Amino acid sequence: MSRTNKNSEAKVQALFDRISATYDTTNSAISLGMHKCWRKKTMTKLSLTTGQQALDLCCGTGDWTIDLAKTVGTTGKVVGLDFSKNMLEIANKKIKQANADKQTTLLQGDAMALPFEDNTFDLITIGFGLRNVPDASQVLKEMKRVVKPGGMVACLETSQPENKLVYPFWYLYFKLVPTIAKLKHNDRKDYVYLQQTTQQFVHVKELKQMFQQAGFINTFYTTFMLGACALHIGYKANKK
């Protein structure tokens, strides 16, 4: 990794450590509570069953990790990985409260250099994290490396509406994000950065192309809330 990328990653890591205590309440306020609905709809599209193994990248405070852990049950295994120690501490408490700790492991690590063997997981997810890594293409390549042949990867991420009538309203709303975050006792500057990453991230069609360039097959996407959020899914080809 270049020195520039290392510096960028360190800054983002420090940002998420700072906002960890208010992350859940702020997200609910910004998304109007819809992030829970998007994740629930996503769970219905995932190929995951009891006893399987899943990896949740950029797991944050662990909400999606818990959903996955409940699906695989105590005979399965879920790993939640994040580079923010503070986020993981909150996730650990929530996982214990959900009685999902038996099948769940939390690791502090780098999504661009995963500490796992090839072909390890049946499913890999990443929720609202791909836009904040220094190299999204590298993360997708790592996801493809550690998912099993025939396995699925799923990315849930904020997006930009393609409808020209909807986009101006979306744009104006996201201008208010730092102000909403400040009301939840955050540093406004932190959410100015997160607002910018949303606006600068690739469009849904471009992200689908990135999935394909990483080597995933049968890739597709679906959007939520008029395009404010998108779910991308891809598969690793079975070995011949």
C-alpha atoms as a PDB file:
ATOM      1  CA  MET A   1       0.000   0.000   0.000  1.00  0.00           C
ATOM      2  CA  SER A   2       1.327   3.484  -0.840  1.00  0.00           C
ATOM      3  CA  ARG A   3       2.118   6.018   1.862  1.00  0.00           C
ATOM      4  CA  THR A   4      -0.774   8.165   0.605  1.00  0.00           C
ATOM      5  CA  ASN A   5      -3.217   5.283   1.007  1.00  0.00           C
ATOM      6  CA  LYS A   6      -1.830   4.471   4.467  1.00  0.00           C
ATOM      7  CA  ASN A   7      -2.326   8.081   5.567  1.00  0.00           C
ATOM      8  CA  SER A   8      -5.833   8.136   4.119  1.00  0.00           C
ATOM      9  CA  GLU A   9      -6.749   4.877   5.823  1.00  0.00           C
ATOM     10  CA  ALA A  10      -5.406   6.111   9.167  1.00  0.00           C
ATOM     11  CA  LYS A  11      -7.489   9.279   8.939  1.00  0.00           C
ATOM     12  CA  VAL A  12     -10.671   7.369   8.114  1.00  0.00           C
ATOM     13  CA  GLN A  13      -9.955   4.883  10.901  1.00  0.00           C
ATOM     14  CA  ALA A  14      -9.582   7.748  13.385  1.00  0.00           C
ATOM     15  CA  LEU A  15     -12.829   9.274  12.093  1.00  0.00           C
ATOM     16  CA  PHE A  16     -14.819   6.096  12.713  1.00  0.00           C
ATOM     17  CA  ASP A  17     -13.274   5.719  16.147  1.00  0.00           C
ATOM     18  CA  ARG A  18     -14.502   9.242  16.957  1.00  0.00           C
ATOM     19  CA  ILE A  19     -18.069   8.741  15.738  1.00  0.00           C
ATOM     20  CA  SER A  20     -18.536   5.209  17.089  1.00  0.00           C
ATOM     21  CA  ALA A  21     -20.540   6.177  20.196  1.00  0.00           C
ATOM     22  CA  THR A  22     -23.211   8.003  18.181  1.00  0.00           C
ATOM     23  CA  TYR A  23     -22.922   6.024  14.948  1.00  0.00           C
ATOM     24  CA  ASP A  24     -26.142   4.012  15.291  1.00  0.00           C
ATOM     25  CA  THR A  25     -28.402   6.888  16.316  1.00  0.00           C
ATOM     26  CA  THR A  26     -26.908   9.204  13.698  1.00  0.00           C
ATOM     27  CA  ASN A  27     -27.355   6.633  10.914  1.00  0.00           C
ATOM     28  CA  SER A  28     -30.982   6.157  11.892  1.00  0.00           C
ATOM     29  CA  ALA A  29     -31.557   9.906  11.780  1.00  0.00           C
ATOM     30  CA  ILE A  30     -29.809  10.408   8.436  1.00  0.00           C
ATOM     31  CA  SER A  31     -31.497   7.466   6.699  1.00  0.00           C
ATOM     32  CA  LEU A  32     -34.838   8.124   8.390  1.00  0.00           C
ATOM     33  CA  GLY A  33     -34.539   4.616   9.793  1.00  0.00           C
ATOM     34  CA  MET A  34     -34.565   3.106   6.319  1.00  0.00           C
ATOM     35  CA  HIS A  35     -31.142   1.433   6.623  1.00  0.00           C
ATOM     36  CA  LYS A  36     -32.785  -1.246   8.768  1.00  0.00           C
ATOM     37  CA  CYS A  37     -35.396  -1.863   6.077  1.00  0.00           C
ATOM     38  CA  TRP A  38     -32.727  -2.045   3.354  1.00  0.00           C
ATOM     39  CA  ARG A  39     -30.754  -4.592   5.350  1.00  0.00           C
ATOM     40  CA  LYS A  40     -33.887  -6.654   6.035  1.00  0.00           C
ATOM     41  CA  LYS A  41     -34.739  -6.761   2.331  1.00  0.00           C
ATOM     42  CA  THR A  42     -31.157  -7.652   1.529  1.00  0.00           C
ATOM     43  CA  MET A  43     -31.214 -10.604   3.925  1.00  0.00           C
ATOM     44  CA  THR A  44     -34.041 -12.147   1.894  1.00  0.00           C
ATOM     45  CA  LYS A  45     -31.795 -12.162  -1.191  1.00  0.00           C
ATOM     46  CA  LEU A  46     -28.737 -13.773   0.388  1.00  0.00           C
ATOM     47  CA  SER A  47     -27.718 -17.388  -0.154  1.00  0.00           C
ATOM     48  CA  LEU A  48     -26.944 -18.319   3.443  1.00  0.00           C
ATOM     49  CA  THR A  49     -28.214 -21.227   5.494  1.00  0.00           C
ATOM     50  CA  THR A  50     -27.688 -22.883   8.872  1.00  0.00           C
ATOM     51  CA  GLY A  51     -24.162 -24.157   9.465  1.00  0.00           C
ATOM     52  CA  GLN A  52     -22.445 -22.057   6.808  1.00  0.00           C
ATOM     53  CA  GLN A  53     -19.635 -19.520   7.158  1.00  0.00           C
ATOM     54  CA  ALA A  54     -19.986 -15.799   6.451  1.00  0.00           C
ATOM     55  CA  LEU A  55     -17.718 -12.768   6.579  1.00  0.00           C
ATOM     56  CA  ASP A  56     -19.041  -9.273   7.251  1.00  0.00           C
ATOM     57  CA  LEU A  57     -16.501  -6.661   6.118  1.00  0.00           C
ATOM     58  CA  CYS A  58     -16.463  -3.153   7.550  1.00  0.00           C
ATOM     59  CA  CYS A  59     -18.886  -4.551  10.098  1.00  0.00           C
ATOM     60  CA  GLY A  60     -19.013  -1.382  12.203  1.00  0.00           C
ATOM     61  CA  THR A  61     -21.230  -1.787  15.255  1.00  0.00           C
ATOM     62  CA  GLY A  62     -22.284  -5.264  14.182  1.00  0.00           C
ATOM     63  CA  ASP A  63     -25.930  -5.041  13.112  1.00  0.00           C
ATOM     64  CA  TRP A  64     -25.480  -6.975   9.875  1.00  0.00           C
ATOM     65  CA  THR A  65     -23.051  -9.340  11.596  1.00  0.00           C
ATOM     66  CA  ILE A  66     -25.798 -10.240  14.069  1.00  0.00           C
ATOM     67  CA  ASP A  67     -28.313 -10.886  11.269  1.00  0.00           C
ATOM     68  CA  LEU A  68     -25.837 -13.242   9.615  1.00  0.00           C
ATOM     69  CA  ALA A  69     -25.043 -14.989  12.902  1.00  0.00           C
ATOM     70  CA  LYS A  70     -28.721 -15.640  13.568  1.00  0.00           C
ATOM     71  CA  THR A  71     -29.061 -17.155  10.098  1.00  0.00           C
ATOM     72  CA  VAL A  72     -26.130 -19.575  10.356  1.00  0.00           C
ATOM     73  CA  GLY A  73     -26.979 -20.560  13.937  1.00  0.00           C
ATOM     74  CA  THR A  74     -24.624 -22.071  16.477  1.00  0.00           C
ATOM     75  CA  THR A  75     -23.393 -24.680  13.983  1.00  0.00           C
ATOM     76  CA  GLY A  76     -22.187 -21.967  11.632  1.00  0.00           C
ATOM     77  CA  LYS A  77     -19.575 -19.253  11.860  1.00  0.00           C
ATOM     78  CA  VAL A  78     -19.565 -15.521  11.197  1.00  0.00           C
ATOM     79  CA  VAL A  79     -16.565 -13.224  11.239  1.00  0.00           C
ATOM     80  CA  GLY A  80     -17.019  -9.462  11.533  1.00  0.00           C
ATOM     81  CA  LEU A  81     -13.986  -7.435  10.438  1.00  0.00           C
ATOM     82  CA  ASP A  82     -13.441  -3.709  10.855  1.00  0.00           C
ATOM     83  CA  PHE A  83     -10.434  -1.416  11.224  1.00  0.00           C
ATOM     84  CA  SER A  84     -12.042   0.640  14.015  1.00  0.00           C
ATOM     85  CA  LYS A  85     -11.347  -0.706  17.490  1.00  0.00           C
ATOM     86  CA  ASN A  86     -14.080   1.472  19.007  1.00  0.00           C
ATOM     87  CA  MET A  87     -16.681   0.199  16.537  1.00  0.00           C
ATOM     88  CA  LEU A  88     -15.734  -3.392  17.327  1.00  0.00           C
ATOM     89  CA  GLU A  89     -16.079  -2.803  21.062  1.00  0.00           C
ATOM     90  CA  ILE A  90     -19.666  -1.674  20.538  1.00  0.00           C
ATOM     91  CA  ALA A  91     -20.310  -4.580  18.166  1.00  0.00           C
ATOM     92  CA  ASN A  92     -19.017  -7.032  20.754  1.00  0.00           C
ATOM     93  CA  LYS A  93     -21.495  -5.794  23.361  1.00  0.00           C
ATOM     94  CA  LYS A  94     -24.401  -5.965  20.916  1.00  0.00           C
ATOM     95  CA  ILE A  95     -23.473  -9.459  19.760  1.00  0.00           C
ATOM     96  CA  LYS A  96     -23.397 -10.725  23.339  1.00  0.00           C
ATOM     97  CA  GLN A  97     -26.775  -9.106  24.039  1.00  0.00           C
ATOM     98  CA  ALA A  98     -28.170 -10.869  20.958  1.00  0.00           C
ATOM     99  CA  ASN A  99     -26.781 -14.217  22.208  1.00  0.00           C
ATOM    100  CA  ALA A 100     -24.855 -14.572  18.958  1.00  0.00           C
ATOM    101  CA  ASP A 101     -21.353 -14.647  20.437  1.00  0.00           C
ATOM    102  CA  LYS A 102     -20.942 -18.439  20.222  1.00  0.00           C
ATOM    103  CA  GLN A 103     -20.851 -18.397  16.431  1.00  0.00           C
ATOM    104  CA  THR A 104     -19.329 -14.929  15.971  1.00  0.00           C
ATOM    105  CA  THR A 105     -15.736 -13.716  15.914  1.00  0.00           C
ATOM    106  CA  LEU A 106     -14.745 -10.056  15.642  1.00  0.00           C
ATOM    107  CA  LEU A 107     -11.405  -9.024  14.164  1.00  0.00           C
ATOM    108  CA  GLN A 108      -9.678  -5.698  13.720  1.00  0.00           C
ATOM    109  CA  GLY A 109      -8.208  -5.764  10.232  1.00  0.00           C
ATOM    110  CA  ASP A 110      -7.791  -4.328   6.761  1.00  0.00           C
ATOM    111  CA  ALA A 111     -10.437  -5.124   4.148  1.00  0.00           C
ATOM    112  CA  MET A 112      -7.798  -4.672   1.432  1.00  0.00           C
ATOM    113  CA  ALA A 113      -5.591  -7.428   2.863  1.00  0.00           C
ATOM    114  CA  LEU A 114      -7.822 -10.055   4.436  1.00  0.00           C
ATOM    115  CA  PRO A 115      -6.195 -12.447   6.935  1.00  0.00           C
ATOM    116  CA  PHE A 116      -7.954 -15.528   5.570  1.00  0.00           C
ATOM    117  CA  GLU A 117      -7.114 -18.439   3.306  1.00  0.00           C
ATOM    118  CA  ASP A 118      -8.509 -18.643  -0.221  1.00  0.00           C
ATOM    119  CA  ASN A 119     -12.013 -20.113  -0.601  1.00  0.00           C
ATOM    120  CA  THR A 120     -12.999 -19.825   3.078  1.00  0.00           C
ATOM    121  CA  PHE A 121     -16.502 -18.305   3.223  1.00  0.00           C
ATOM    122  CA  ASP A 122     -19.876 -19.187   1.720  1.00  0.00           C
ATOM    123  CA  LEU A 123     -20.971 -15.538   1.790  1.00  0.00           C
ATOM    124  CA  ILE A 124     -19.214 -12.184   2.171  1.00  0.00           C
ATOM    125  CA  THR A 125     -21.032  -8.937   2.880  1.00  0.00           C
ATOM    126  CA  ILE A 126     -19.950  -5.311   3.114  1.00  0.00           C
ATOM    127  CA  GLY A 127     -22.399  -2.666   4.265  1.00  0.00           C
ATOM    128  CA  PHE A 128     -21.833   1.063   3.804  1.00  0.00           C
ATOM    129  CA  GLY A 129     -18.079   0.607   3.854  1.00  0.00           C
ATOM    130  CA  LEU A 130     -16.847   0.170   0.293  1.00  0.00           C
ATOM    131  CA  ARG A 131     -16.934   3.904  -0.435  1.00  0.00           C
ATOM    132  CA  ASN A 132     -14.645   4.619   2.520  1.00  0.00           C
ATOM    133  CA  VAL A 133     -11.723   2.326   1.676  1.00  0.00           C
ATOM    134  CA  PRO A 134      -8.677   3.662  -0.218  1.00  0.00           C
ATOM    135  CA  ASP A 135      -9.056   1.102  -3.014  1.00  0.00           C
ATOM    136  CA  ALA A 136     -12.520  -0.404  -3.569  1.00  0.00           C
ATOM    137  CA  SER A 137     -11.292  -2.584  -6.436  1.00  0.00           C
ATOM    138  CA  GLN A 138      -8.704  -4.199  -4.179  1.00  0.00           C
ATOM    139  CA  VAL A 139     -11.389  -4.967  -1.581  1.00  0.00           C
ATOM    140  CA  LEU A 140     -13.517  -6.656  -4.250  1.00  0.00           C
ATOM    141  CA  LYS A 141     -10.520  -8.731  -5.370  1.00  0.00           C
ATOM    142  CA  GLU A 142      -9.913  -9.830  -1.777  1.00  0.00           C
ATOM    143  CA  MET A 143     -13.589 -10.717  -1.386  1.00  0.00           C
ATOM    144  CA  LYS A 144     -13.379 -12.880  -4.498  1.00  0.00           C
ATOM    145  CA  ARG A 145     -10.233 -14.554  -3.210  1.00  0.00           C
ATOM    146  CA  VAL A 146     -11.660 -15.666   0.148  1.00  0.00           C
ATOM    147  CA  VAL A 147     -15.199 -16.563  -0.929  1.00  0.00           C
ATOM    148  CA  LYS A 148     -15.742 -20.188  -1.893  1.00  0.00           C
ATOM    149  CA  PRO A 149     -16.377 -21.226  -5.508  1.00  0.00           C
ATOM    150  CA  GLY A 150     -20.096 -20.775  -6.104  1.00  0.00           C
ATOM    151  CA  GLY A 151     -20.279 -18.398  -3.134  1.00  0.00           C
ATOM    152  CA  MET A 152     -21.960 -15.010  -3.045  1.00  0.00           C
ATOM    153  CA  VAL A 153     -20.758 -11.509  -2.237  1.00  0.00           C
ATOM    154  CA  ALA A 154     -23.140  -8.668  -1.396  1.00  0.00           C
ATOM    155  CA  CYS A 155     -22.479  -4.956  -1.115  1.00  0.00           C
ATOM    156  CA  LEU A 156     -25.076  -2.628   0.404  1.00  0.00           C
ATOM    157  CA  GLU A 157     -24.071   0.981  -0.153  1.00  0.00           C
ATOM    158  CA  THR A 158     -25.395   4.506  -0.423  1.00  0.00           C
ATOM    159  CA  SER A 159     -25.874   5.541  -4.022  1.00  0.00           C
ATOM    160  CA  GLN A 160     -26.909   8.397  -6.264  1.00  0.00           C
ATOM    161  CA  PRO A 161     -30.360   8.488  -7.886  1.00  0.00           C
ATOM    162  CA  GLU A 162     -30.139   8.357 -11.668  1.00  0.00           C
ATOM    163  CA  ASN A 163     -33.560   9.961 -12.118  1.00  0.00           C
ATOM    164  CA  LYS A 164     -32.941  13.600 -13.044  1.00  0.00           C
ATOM    165  CA  LEU A 165     -36.103  14.691 -11.218  1.00  0.00           C
ATOM    166  CA  VAL A 166     -35.142  12.920  -7.997  1.00  0.00           C
ATOM    167  CA  TYR A 167     -31.434  13.792  -7.950  1.00  0.00           C
ATOM    168  CA  PRO A 168     -31.773  17.506  -6.989  1.00  0.00           C
ATOM    169  CA  PHE A 169     -33.848  16.610  -3.902  1.00  0.00           C
ATOM    170  CA  TRP A 170     -31.376  13.877  -2.942  1.00  0.00           C
ATOM    171  CA  TYR A 171     -28.489  16.309  -3.383  1.00  0.00           C
ATOM    172  CA  LEU A 172     -30.122  18.976  -1.217  1.00  0.00           C
ATOM    173  CA  TYR A 173     -30.944  16.465   1.506  1.00  0.00           C
ATOM    174  CA  PHE A 174     -27.381  15.193   1.666  1.00  0.00           C
ATOM    175  CA  LYS A 175     -26.187  18.758   2.084  1.00  0.00           C
ATOM    176  CA  LEU A 176     -28.066  18.654   5.402  1.00  0.00           C
ATOM    177  CA  VAL A 177     -26.305  15.473   6.598  1.00  0.00           C
ATOM    178  CA  PRO A 178     -23.519  17.265   8.525  1.00  0.00           C
ATOM    179  CA  THR A 179     -26.109  19.431  10.294  1.00  0.00           C
ATOM    180  CA  ILE A 180     -28.176  16.375  11.245  1.00  0.00           C
ATOM    181  CA  ALA A 181     -25.019  14.700  12.530  1.00  0.00           C
ATOM    182  CA  LYS A 182     -24.116  17.741  14.620  1.00  0.00           C
ATOM    183  CA  LEU A 183     -27.519  17.554  16.309  1.00  0.00           C
ATOM    184  CA  LYS A 184     -26.539  14.022  17.358  1.00  0.00           C
ATOM    185  CA  HIS A 185     -23.415  15.414  19.056  1.00  0.00           C
ATOM    186  CA  ASN A 186     -20.944  14.665  16.261  1.00  0.00           C
ATOM    187  CA  ASP A 187     -18.204  16.839  14.828  1.00  0.00           C
ATOM    188  CA  ARG A 188     -19.734  18.384  11.718  1.00  0.00           C
ATOM    189  CA  LYS A 189     -16.454  18.003   9.803  1.00  0.00           C
ATOM    190  CA  ASP A 190     -16.561  14.219  10.117  1.00  0.00           C
ATOM    191  CA  TYR A 191     -19.908  14.019   8.379  1.00  0.00           C
ATOM    192  CA  VAL A 192     -18.882  16.540   5.732  1.00  0.00           C
ATOM    193  CA  TYR A 193     -16.299  13.931   4.755  1.00  0.00           C
ATOM    194  CA  LEU A 194     -18.852  11.087   4.798  1.00  0.00           C
ATOM    195  CA  GLN A 195     -21.254  13.195   2.759  1.00  0.00           C
ATOM    196  CA  GLN A 196     -18.524  13.749   0.185  1.00  0.00           C
ATOM    197  CA  THR A 197     -17.681  10.047  -0.077  1.00  0.00           C
ATOM    198  CA  THR A 198     -21.321   9.347  -0.901  1.00  0.00           C
ATOM    199  CA  GLN A 199     -21.433  11.990  -3.610  1.00  0.00           C
ATOM    200  CA  GLN A 200     -18.090  10.977  -5.102  1.00  0.00           C
ATOM    201  CA  PHE A 201     -18.596   7.214  -5.097  1.00  0.00           C
ATOM    202  CA  VAL A 202     -19.238   5.411  -8.370  1.00  0.00           C
ATOM    203  CA  HIS A 203     -22.733   5.037  -9.787  1.00  0.00           C
ATOM    204  CA  VAL A 204     -24.584   1.727  -9.668  1.00  0.00           C
ATOM    205  CA  LYS A 205     -23.650   0.713 -13.220  1.00  0.00           C
ATOM    206  CA  GLU A 206     -19.992   1.518 -12.614  1.00  0.00           C
ATOM    207  CA  LEU A 207     -19.962  -0.550  -9.421  1.00  0.00           C
ATOM    208  CA  LYS A 208     -21.495  -3.465 -11.304  1.00  0.00           C
ATOM    209  CA  GLN A 209     -18.631  -3.165 -13.806  1.00  0.00           C
ATOM    210  CA  MET A 210     -16.140  -3.174 -10.925  1.00  0.00           C
ATOM    211  CA  PHE A 211     -17.696  -6.412  -9.674  1.00  0.00           C
ATOM    212  CA  GLN A 212     -17.280  -7.930 -13.121  1.00  0.00           C
ATOM    213  CA  GLN A 213     -13.690  -6.671 -13.447  1.00  0.00           C
ATOM    214  CA  ALA A 214     -12.905  -8.311 -10.107  1.00  0.00           C
ATOM    215  CA  GLY A 215     -14.029 -11.611 -11.641  1.00  0.00           C
ATOM    216  CA  PHE A 216     -17.547 -12.048 -10.270  1.00  0.00           C
ATOM    217  CA  ILE A 217     -20.216 -13.594 -12.466  1.00  0.00           C
ATOM    218  CA  ASN A 218     -24.013 -13.239 -12.637  1.00  0.00           C
ATOM    219  CA  THR A 219     -23.698  -9.768 -11.113  1.00  0.00           C
ATOM    220  CA  PHE A 220     -26.777  -7.623 -10.622  1.00  0.00           C
ATOM    221  CA  TYR A 221     -28.001  -4.741  -8.511  1.00  0.00           C
ATOM    222  CA  THR A 222     -31.223  -3.449  -7.068  1.00  0.00           C
ATOM    223  CA  THR A 223     -31.894   0.022  -5.703  1.00  0.00           C
ATOM    224  CA  PHE A 224     -33.858   1.288  -2.710  1.00  0.00           C
ATOM    225  CA  MET A 225     -35.520   4.606  -1.928  1.00  0.00           C
ATOM    226  CA  LEU A 226     -35.478   5.884  -5.512  1.00  0.00           C
ATOM    227  CA  GLY A 227     -31.786   5.102  -5.859  1.00  0.00           C
ATOM    228  CA  ALA A 228     -30.472   6.505  -2.569  1.00  0.00           C
ATOM    229  CA  CYS A 229     -29.166   3.038  -1.700  1.00  0.00           C
ATOM    230  CA  ALA A 230     -28.107   0.078  -3.827  1.00  0.00           C
ATOM    231  CA  LEU A 231     -27.471  -3.615  -3.303  1.00  0.00           C
ATOM    232  CA  HIS A 232     -24.933  -5.274  -5.610  1.00  0.00           C
ATOM    233  CA  ILE A 233     -24.594  -9.053  -5.699  1.00  0.00           C
ATOM    234  CA  GLY A 234     -22.092 -11.245  -7.493  1.00  0.00           C
ATOM    235  CA  TYR A 235     -20.927 -14.871  -7.471  1.00  0.00           C
ATOM    236  CA  LYS A 236     -17.600 -16.634  -7.691  1.00  0.00           C
ATOM    237  CA  ALA A 237     -17.547 -19.177 -10.480  1.00  0.00           C
ATOM    238  CA  ASN A 238     -17.462 -22.845  -9.557  1.00  0.00           C
ATOM    239  CA  LYS A 239     -14.222 -24.666 -10.273  1.00  0.00           C
ATOM    240  CA  LYS A 240     -14.260 -26.604 -13.506  1.00  0.00           C
END
